[in-house]
């Protein structure tokens, strides 16, 4: 059951559902029953204490907003999710030997879903499709891109850990290659411009990682593969991309130029909103961002908590018709201000340090480390143009990514105990990094 549960935790890439929430609750119950000692051990970690303290602050502030002001906000409870990170981290540590199987199940499900939903004739005609099983094409584009990156690094992991030297190597190569190709096709057909831009930036980031973490022929091969993929994508897809996103690119260029010559960026945004040549989708986003920035300016340090919807009604473009801000960073700033951004930055910095330390000690495969960095980079790029952190795909991403530094800390302590005692202990790493 464990591989199935972890595959369901990541299944929001394929199908937009709340399955990950129930799996997370189940894993928390599992660790309290079966791994209470690890939960107690991890509760002494300062980052775990910070997560618990932050979640308590969010819950108390939410309760005060309801009791005192009668405002419940919108999707406020998800900011208390950090309380789950250490507990799911214990589950990740305890069941880590099942993760390759879980990732394989995810790729199989993704490949089947893409084969069932991709319409190649519609893509060739330039019309938008909705690959996989999401509520709209924008979510689908992000899901396909995350599945593409997962397929690519799953193959790299299989090569690094000897799976491609077994009789099943052709099955692994076929699954990884087919899923990656179908996912990339899904990204193109979904016509999510934010996903396109984020993926283009991610290719550059992957080249940087290859230069930093690989040596010799491996570096040359991966850099060549990335360059070939980027060149092929640019050559074959540029006419399609220009057709779909040309007007948005022109409007963005005008907005950038206006921002550079203006003393107030918000004035440039208002000019773009009033410009009849600005695409409607971009105009709505600019209205949302202008409203959000007005709220941030009024309460920059701690945000508005649940009260932000009350204040939203007083903003310039309150009649825009949406309150999904289409920018994950503004979602945080409006609710929790710079304090919320500071928490995110501290957590990300500590997570990167622990990932790097685990890789340096040999406990974490190079492909796994680079996957964590790359998928996180892509996701944090996407939330600059969409509120993915309020969607199933974002919530599940944060739980999965957030639990990693705690699993690595337990792994590190297990290695230290084994080294000190000279014999395996119950905390010793299981097979596979």
Protein backbone atom coordinates (compact mmCIF):
# COMPACT_ATOMS: atom_id res chain seq x y z
CA UNK A 1 0.00 0.00 0.00
CA UNK A 2 2.87 2.42 0.73
CA UNK A 3 3.91 3.01 -2.92
CA UNK A 4 0.26 3.58 -3.84
CA UNK A 5 -0.14 6.13 -1.05
CA UNK A 6 2.94 8.12 -2.10
CA UNK A 7 1.80 8.02 -5.73
CA UNK A 8 -1.57 9.42 -4.60
CA UNK A 9 0.25 12.15 -2.67
CA UNK A 10 1.78 13.33 -5.95
CA UNK A 11 -1.24 12.51 -8.11
CA UNK A 12 -2.37 16.16 -8.30
CA UNK A 13 0.03 16.42 -11.25
CA UNK A 14 -2.32 14.10 -13.12
CA UNK A 15 -5.77 14.61 -11.62
CA UNK A 16 -6.95 17.64 -9.68
CA UNK A 17 -8.43 16.10 -6.55
CA UNK A 18 -8.11 16.19 -2.77
CA UNK A 19 -6.69 12.67 -2.51
CA UNK A 20 -3.36 13.99 -1.17
CA UNK A 21 -5.12 15.50 1.87
CA UNK A 22 -6.54 12.16 2.98
CA UNK A 23 -3.23 10.42 2.31
CA UNK A 24 -1.40 13.05 4.39
CA UNK A 25 -3.83 12.50 7.28
CA UNK A 26 -3.34 8.75 6.96
CA UNK A 27 0.46 9.09 7.01
CA UNK A 28 0.30 11.31 10.09
CA UNK A 29 -1.81 8.70 11.91
CA UNK A 30 0.64 6.01 10.72
CA UNK A 31 3.70 7.77 12.18
CA UNK A 32 2.02 8.49 15.51
CA UNK A 33 1.14 4.79 15.86
CA UNK A 34 4.26 3.16 14.42
CA UNK A 35 7.04 5.77 14.67
CA UNK A 36 6.30 7.80 17.77
CA UNK A 37 9.96 7.78 18.80
CA UNK A 38 10.97 9.49 15.56
CA UNK A 39 8.16 12.04 15.95
CA UNK A 40 9.43 12.91 19.45
CA UNK A 41 13.01 13.03 18.26
CA UNK A 42 12.14 15.34 15.39
CA UNK A 43 10.04 17.63 17.59
CA UNK A 44 13.29 18.89 19.13
CA UNK A 45 14.49 20.21 15.76
CA UNK A 46 14.28 24.00 15.63
CA UNK A 47 12.81 24.02 12.11
CA UNK A 48 10.05 21.64 13.19
CA UNK A 49 9.34 23.91 16.17
CA UNK A 50 9.19 26.87 13.79
CA UNK A 51 6.65 25.03 11.62
CA UNK A 52 4.49 24.19 14.62
CA UNK A 53 4.73 27.76 15.93
CA UNK A 54 3.84 29.24 12.54
CA UNK A 55 0.84 26.94 12.16
CA UNK A 56 -0.37 27.80 15.66
CA UNK A 57 -0.08 31.50 14.80
CA UNK A 58 -2.09 31.02 11.59
CA UNK A 59 -4.82 29.02 13.36
CA UNK A 60 -5.15 31.52 16.23
CA UNK A 61 -5.25 34.44 13.82
CA UNK A 62 -7.87 32.68 11.72
CA UNK A 63 -10.00 31.97 14.80
CA UNK A 64 -9.70 35.59 15.93
CA UNK A 65 -10.78 36.81 12.50
CA UNK A 66 -13.94 34.70 12.69
CA UNK A 67 -14.82 35.37 16.35
CA UNK A 68 -13.95 39.07 16.49
CA UNK A 69 -14.64 40.26 12.94
CA UNK A 70 -16.91 37.59 11.47
CA UNK A 71 -14.61 37.18 8.46
CA UNK A 72 -13.51 33.70 7.35
CA UNK A 73 -11.48 34.79 4.31
CA UNK A 74 -10.76 32.28 1.55
CA UNK A 75 -8.41 29.27 1.68
CA UNK A 76 -6.79 30.59 4.86
CA UNK A 77 -6.35 27.18 6.49
CA UNK A 78 -3.79 26.00 3.94
CA UNK A 79 -1.23 28.35 5.51
CA UNK A 80 -1.31 26.07 8.57
CA UNK A 81 -0.01 23.16 6.48
CA UNK A 82 3.60 23.51 7.77
CA UNK A 83 2.48 21.60 10.88
CA UNK A 84 2.24 18.55 8.61
CA UNK A 85 5.77 18.87 7.21
CA UNK A 86 7.72 17.25 10.10
CA UNK A 87 5.13 14.48 10.56
CA UNK A 88 4.96 13.55 6.87
CA UNK A 89 8.77 13.81 6.92
CA UNK A 90 8.86 10.97 9.45
CA UNK A 91 6.68 8.91 7.11
CA UNK A 92 8.96 9.71 4.18
CA UNK A 93 12.00 8.60 6.16
CA UNK A 94 10.36 5.40 7.37
CA UNK A 95 9.11 4.33 3.93
CA UNK A 96 11.78 5.75 1.64
CA UNK A 97 12.67 2.39 0.08
CA UNK A 98 9.23 2.43 -1.62
CA UNK A 99 9.63 5.80 -3.35
CA UNK A 100 11.04 4.58 -6.67
CA UNK A 101 8.09 2.22 -7.01
CA UNK A 102 5.72 5.08 -6.13
CA UNK A 103 7.32 7.33 -8.75
CA UNK A 104 7.01 4.53 -11.31
CA UNK A 105 3.29 4.19 -10.55
CA UNK A 106 2.89 7.96 -10.96
CA UNK A 107 4.57 7.87 -14.39
CA UNK A 108 2.45 4.93 -15.52
CA UNK A 109 -0.71 6.74 -14.45
CA UNK A 110 0.47 9.94 -16.12
CA UNK A 111 1.29 8.20 -19.40
CA UNK A 112 -2.10 6.47 -19.49
CA UNK A 113 -3.87 9.74 -18.68
CA UNK A 114 -2.00 11.62 -21.41
CA UNK A 115 -2.71 8.95 -24.01
CA UNK A 116 -6.39 9.15 -23.09
CA UNK A 117 -6.66 12.96 -23.20
CA UNK A 118 -4.18 14.30 -25.78
CA UNK A 119 -5.78 15.36 -29.05
CA UNK A 120 -2.92 15.72 -31.51
CA UNK A 121 -5.10 17.03 -34.34
CA UNK A 122 -6.41 19.84 -32.15
CA UNK A 123 -2.87 20.74 -31.07
CA UNK A 124 -1.71 20.82 -34.71
CA UNK A 125 -4.59 23.15 -35.59
CA UNK A 126 -3.43 25.63 -32.94
CA UNK A 127 -6.45 25.15 -30.67
CA UNK A 128 -6.13 24.71 -26.91
CA UNK A 129 -6.61 21.29 -25.32
CA UNK A 130 -7.09 20.15 -21.72
CA UNK A 131 -4.66 17.28 -21.11
CA UNK A 132 -4.94 15.03 -18.07
CA UNK A 133 -7.73 15.64 -15.57
CA UNK A 134 -7.64 19.22 -14.30
CA UNK A 135 -10.23 21.94 -13.82
CA UNK A 136 -8.80 24.12 -16.58
CA UNK A 137 -5.95 24.11 -19.14
CA UNK A 138 -3.70 26.38 -17.05
CA UNK A 139 -3.63 23.88 -14.21
CA UNK A 140 -3.14 21.10 -16.76
CA UNK A 141 -0.15 22.89 -18.28
CA UNK A 142 1.55 23.13 -14.89
CA UNK A 143 0.75 19.49 -14.12
CA UNK A 144 2.14 18.31 -17.46
CA UNK A 145 5.35 20.29 -16.94
CA UNK A 146 5.84 18.85 -13.46
CA UNK A 147 5.22 15.35 -14.85
CA UNK A 148 7.76 16.03 -17.62
CA UNK A 149 10.43 17.02 -15.07
CA UNK A 150 9.54 14.02 -12.91
CA UNK A 151 9.93 11.67 -15.90
CA UNK A 152 13.28 13.14 -16.84
CA UNK A 153 14.80 12.89 -13.37
CA UNK A 154 13.21 9.48 -12.79
CA UNK A 155 15.23 8.27 -15.78
CA UNK A 156 18.39 9.95 -14.46
CA UNK A 157 17.85 8.31 -11.08
CA UNK A 158 17.31 4.93 -12.74
CA UNK A 159 20.59 5.34 -14.59
CA UNK A 160 22.47 6.54 -11.52
CA UNK A 161 21.30 3.64 -9.35
CA UNK A 162 21.77 0.78 -11.79
CA UNK A 163 18.18 0.17 -12.87
CA UNK A 164 19.19 0.65 -16.51
CA UNK A 165 21.67 -2.22 -16.21
CA UNK A 166 18.94 -4.75 -15.44
CA UNK A 167 16.82 -6.77 -17.90
CA UNK A 168 14.04 -4.20 -17.39
CA UNK A 169 16.11 -1.34 -18.75
CA UNK A 170 14.14 -1.07 -22.01
CA UNK A 171 10.89 -0.90 -20.08
CA UNK A 172 12.30 1.89 -17.91
CA UNK A 173 13.61 3.78 -20.93
CA UNK A 174 10.30 3.41 -22.75
CA UNK A 175 8.21 4.54 -19.78
CA UNK A 176 10.40 7.55 -18.99
CA UNK A 177 10.83 8.61 -22.61
CA UNK A 178 7.18 8.22 -23.60
CA UNK A 179 5.88 9.98 -20.49
CA UNK A 180 8.34 12.86 -20.95
CA UNK A 181 7.43 13.29 -24.64
CA UNK A 182 3.69 13.14 -24.00
CA UNK A 183 3.99 15.54 -21.05
CA UNK A 184 5.90 18.08 -23.13
CA UNK A 185 3.22 17.80 -25.81
CA UNK A 186 0.60 18.40 -23.14
CA UNK A 187 2.42 21.54 -21.97
CA UNK A 188 2.36 22.87 -25.52
CA UNK A 189 -1.29 22.02 -26.14
CA UNK A 190 -2.54 23.45 -22.83
CA UNK A 191 -1.31 26.88 -23.96
CA UNK A 192 -0.46 28.01 -20.43
CA UNK A 193 1.90 30.90 -21.09
CA UNK A 194 3.03 30.97 -17.47
CA UNK A 195 3.98 27.29 -17.65
CA UNK A 196 5.84 27.90 -20.94
CA UNK A 197 7.86 30.75 -19.45
CA UNK A 198 8.59 28.85 -16.23
CA UNK A 199 9.72 25.77 -18.17
CA UNK A 200 12.00 27.84 -20.40
CA UNK A 201 13.64 29.35 -17.30
CA UNK A 202 13.89 25.86 -15.80
CA UNK A 203 15.86 24.58 -18.80
CA UNK A 204 18.43 27.31 -18.11
CA UNK A 205 18.43 26.38 -14.42
CA UNK A 206 19.00 22.71 -15.28
CA UNK A 207 22.01 23.67 -17.38
CA UNK A 208 23.40 25.59 -14.40
CA UNK A 209 22.87 22.58 -12.13
CA UNK A 210 24.61 20.33 -14.63
CA UNK A 211 27.59 22.67 -14.70
CA UNK A 212 27.76 22.75 -10.89
CA UNK A 213 27.06 19.15 -9.87
CA UNK A 214 28.27 16.95 -12.71
CA UNK A 215 31.78 16.36 -13.96
CA UNK A 216 33.49 14.94 -17.02
CA UNK A 217 31.41 13.17 -19.63
CA UNK A 218 28.20 13.31 -17.54
CA UNK A 219 28.30 17.10 -17.59
CA UNK A 220 28.97 17.19 -21.34
CA UNK A 221 26.21 14.68 -22.11
CA UNK A 222 23.58 16.43 -19.99
CA UNK A 223 24.48 19.91 -21.24
CA UNK A 224 24.33 18.63 -24.81
CA UNK A 225 20.95 17.00 -24.17
CA UNK A 226 19.55 20.18 -22.60
CA UNK A 227 20.92 22.32 -25.46
CA UNK A 228 19.48 19.94 -28.05
CA UNK A 229 16.09 19.86 -26.32
CA UNK A 230 16.01 23.65 -25.98
CA UNK A 231 17.05 24.20 -29.60
CA UNK A 232 14.55 21.66 -30.91
CA UNK A 233 11.77 23.13 -28.79
CA UNK A 234 12.59 26.67 -29.90
CA UNK A 235 12.74 25.71 -33.58
CA UNK A 236 9.61 23.59 -33.73
CA UNK A 237 7.43 25.42 -31.22
CA UNK A 238 8.29 29.10 -31.78
CA UNK A 239 5.70 29.66 -34.57
CA UNK A 240 3.03 28.03 -32.39
CA UNK A 241 4.09 30.03 -29.31
CA UNK A 242 4.16 33.32 -31.20
CA UNK A 243 0.70 32.64 -32.59
CA UNK A 244 -0.74 31.94 -29.15
CA UNK A 245 1.23 34.39 -27.01
CA UNK A 246 2.27 37.12 -29.46
CA UNK A 247 -0.18 39.77 -28.25
CA UNK A 248 0.64 39.03 -24.61
CA UNK A 249 4.37 39.35 -25.35
CA UNK A 250 3.81 42.71 -27.04
CA UNK A 251 1.70 43.98 -24.14
CA UNK A 252 4.30 42.74 -21.63
CA UNK A 253 7.02 44.60 -23.52
CA UNK A 254 4.96 47.80 -23.39
CA UNK A 255 4.32 47.31 -19.68
CA UNK A 256 8.02 46.72 -19.00
CA UNK A 257 8.98 49.83 -20.90
CA UNK A 258 6.34 51.86 -19.07
CA UNK A 259 7.53 50.56 -15.71
CA UNK A 260 11.13 51.53 -16.44
CA UNK A 261 10.26 55.13 -17.31
CA UNK A 262 7.63 55.57 -14.58
CA UNK A 263 8.26 56.59 -10.97
CA UNK A 264 5.37 54.40 -9.83
CA UNK A 265 5.08 50.84 -11.24
CA UNK A 266 1.40 50.75 -10.32
CA UNK A 267 0.79 53.74 -12.60
CA UNK A 268 2.31 51.76 -15.48
CA UNK A 269 0.02 48.85 -14.60
CA UNK A 270 -3.04 51.12 -14.71
CA UNK A 271 -1.95 52.45 -18.12
CA UNK A 272 -1.69 48.85 -19.38
CA UNK A 273 -5.14 48.07 -17.95
CA UNK A 274 -6.63 51.02 -19.86
CA UNK A 275 -4.79 50.11 -23.07
CA UNK A 276 -7.31 48.49 -25.49
CA UNK A 277 -4.48 46.43 -27.03
CA UNK A 278 -3.83 44.58 -23.76
CA UNK A 279 -5.24 41.01 -23.94
CA UNK A 280 -8.23 40.50 -21.66
CA UNK A 281 -6.59 37.74 -19.60
CA UNK A 282 -3.57 39.94 -18.96
CA UNK A 283 -5.79 42.93 -18.13
CA UNK A 284 -7.64 40.90 -15.49
CA UNK A 285 -4.38 39.76 -13.94
CA UNK A 286 -3.12 43.34 -13.77
CA UNK A 287 -6.36 44.39 -12.07
CA UNK A 288 -5.95 41.61 -9.50
CA UNK A 289 -2.31 42.50 -8.89
CA UNK A 290 -3.11 46.21 -8.54
CA UNK A 291 -5.78 45.43 -5.94
CA UNK A 292 -3.40 43.12 -4.09
CA UNK A 293 -0.59 45.68 -4.06
CA UNK A 294 -2.97 48.27 -2.64
CA UNK A 295 -3.71 45.91 0.25
CA UNK A 296 -0.03 45.13 0.76
CA UNK A 297 0.83 48.82 0.91
CA UNK A 298 -1.70 49.32 3.70
CA UNK A 299 -0.45 46.41 5.84
CA UNK A 300 2.99 45.30 4.60
CA UNK A 301 4.39 43.57 7.69
CA UNK A 302 1.74 41.08 8.79
CA UNK A 303 -0.93 41.35 6.08
CA UNK A 304 -4.66 41.24 6.69
CA UNK A 305 -5.28 37.63 7.73
CA UNK A 306 -8.93 36.68 7.18
CA UNK A 307 -9.86 40.34 6.81
CA UNK A 308 -8.35 40.72 3.37
CA UNK A 309 -11.63 40.02 1.55
CA UNK A 310 -13.33 42.79 3.52
CA UNK A 311 -10.60 45.21 2.46
CA UNK A 312 -10.67 43.85 -1.10
CA UNK A 313 -14.11 45.38 -1.56
CA UNK A 314 -12.54 48.85 -1.20
CA UNK A 315 -9.84 48.40 -3.86
CA UNK A 316 -9.75 50.13 -7.25
CA UNK A 317 -10.80 47.11 -9.32
CA UNK A 318 -12.93 45.28 -6.77
CA UNK A 319 -15.43 44.45 -9.52
CA UNK A 320 -12.91 42.35 -11.47
CA UNK A 321 -14.94 39.26 -10.61
CA UNK A 322 -12.17 37.12 -9.07
CA UNK A 323 -10.34 36.90 -5.77
CA UNK A 324 -7.82 34.27 -6.88
CA UNK A 325 -4.87 36.64 -7.25
CA UNK A 326 -2.97 34.67 -9.92
CA UNK A 327 0.28 35.33 -8.06
CA UNK A 328 1.32 33.08 -5.21
CA UNK A 329 3.63 35.63 -3.63
CA UNK A 330 0.86 38.24 -3.49
CA UNK A 331 -1.43 35.59 -1.96
CA UNK A 332 1.06 35.31 0.92
CA UNK A 333 1.73 39.04 1.21
CA UNK A 334 -1.95 39.96 1.33
CA UNK A 335 -2.67 37.49 4.14
CA UNK A 336 0.57 37.40 6.13
CA UNK A 337 2.74 40.20 4.77
CA UNK A 338 6.51 40.18 4.84
CA UNK A 339 6.36 37.90 7.87
CA UNK A 340 4.89 35.15 5.67
CA UNK A 341 7.52 35.68 2.97
CA UNK A 342 10.24 35.58 5.65
CA UNK A 343 8.96 32.22 6.90
CA UNK A 344 9.01 30.85 3.35
CA UNK A 345 12.55 32.13 2.73
CA UNK A 346 13.91 30.73 6.01
CA UNK A 347 12.33 27.34 5.36
CA UNK A 348 13.61 27.22 1.76
CA UNK A 349 17.15 28.20 2.81
CA UNK A 350 17.32 25.54 5.54
CA UNK A 351 15.84 22.93 3.20
CA UNK A 352 18.48 23.68 0.56
CA UNK A 353 21.22 23.42 3.18
CA UNK A 354 19.99 20.04 4.39
CA UNK A 355 19.59 18.73 0.84
CA UNK A 356 23.14 19.82 -0.01
CA UNK A 357 24.49 18.30 3.20
CA UNK A 358 22.74 14.98 2.56
CA UNK A 359 24.14 14.85 -0.96
CA UNK A 360 27.65 15.71 0.23
CA UNK A 361 27.49 12.85 2.77
CA UNK A 362 26.39 10.38 0.09
CA UNK A 363 22.92 9.85 1.57
CA UNK A 364 21.09 11.53 -1.31
CA UNK A 365 21.50 10.67 -4.99
CA UNK A 366 22.66 13.47 -7.29
CA UNK A 367 19.60 12.99 -9.50
CA UNK A 368 17.28 13.25 -6.48
CA UNK A 369 18.96 16.44 -5.28
CA UNK A 370 18.74 18.02 -8.72
CA UNK A 371 15.11 16.93 -9.05
CA UNK A 372 14.23 18.63 -5.77
CA UNK A 373 15.98 21.82 -6.84
CA UNK A 374 14.57 21.79 -10.38
CA UNK A 375 10.95 21.02 -9.50
CA UNK A 376 11.03 23.66 -6.76
CA UNK A 377 12.53 26.24 -9.12
CA UNK A 378 9.84 25.53 -11.70
CA UNK A 379 7.03 25.72 -9.18
CA UNK A 380 8.25 28.99 -7.66
CA UNK A 381 8.44 30.40 -11.19
CA UNK A 382 4.86 29.38 -11.93
CA UNK A 383 3.40 31.10 -8.88
CA UNK A 384 4.66 34.42 -10.20
CA UNK A 385 1.79 34.31 -12.72
CA UNK A 386 -0.73 31.97 -11.09
CA UNK A 387 -1.94 31.10 -7.58
CA UNK A 388 -0.84 27.49 -7.81
CA UNK A 389 -0.19 27.41 -4.06
CA UNK A 390 -3.99 27.61 -3.60
CA UNK A 391 -4.60 24.66 -5.94
CA UNK A 392 -4.39 20.94 -5.30
CA UNK A 393 -1.15 20.75 -7.27
CA UNK A 394 0.43 23.45 -5.10
CA UNK A 395 -0.81 22.15 -1.78
CA UNK A 396 0.46 18.64 -2.50
CA UNK A 397 3.77 20.06 -3.76
CA UNK A 398 4.32 22.01 -0.55
CA UNK A 399 3.55 18.99 1.65
CA UNK A 400 5.87 16.72 -0.36
CA UNK A 401 8.68 19.27 -0.68
CA UNK A 402 8.21 20.48 2.89
CA UNK A 403 8.63 17.02 4.40
CA UNK A 404 11.98 16.37 2.67
CA UNK A 405 14.32 18.36 5.01
CA UNK A 406 12.91 16.51 8.03
CA UNK A 407 13.33 13.09 6.43
CA UNK A 408 16.91 14.04 5.56
CA UNK A 409 17.58 15.15 9.14
CA UNK A 410 16.42 11.77 10.46
CA UNK A 411 18.53 10.08 7.81
CA UNK A 412 21.57 12.09 8.83
CA UNK A 413 21.07 11.28 12.51
CA UNK A 414 20.62 7.61 11.65
CA UNK A 415 23.93 7.58 9.79
CA UNK A 416 25.67 9.29 12.72
CA UNK A 417 24.26 6.76 15.20
CA UNK A 418 25.33 3.85 13.01
CA UNK A 419 28.82 5.30 12.62
CA UNK A 420 29.17 5.94 16.34
CA UNK A 421 28.00 2.47 17.40
CA UNK A 422 29.79 0.57 14.66
CA UNK A 423 26.69 -1.47 13.89
CA UNK A 424 23.33 -0.88 12.21
CA UNK A 425 20.61 0.73 14.30
CA UNK A 426 16.91 1.17 13.75
CA UNK A 427 17.73 4.62 12.33
CA UNK A 428 20.21 3.29 9.80
CA UNK A 429 19.41 4.13 6.16
CA UNK A 430 17.50 1.55 4.21
CA UNK A 431 18.62 0.38 0.79
CA UNK A 432 18.60 3.14 -1.81
CA UNK A 433 19.39 6.81 -1.50
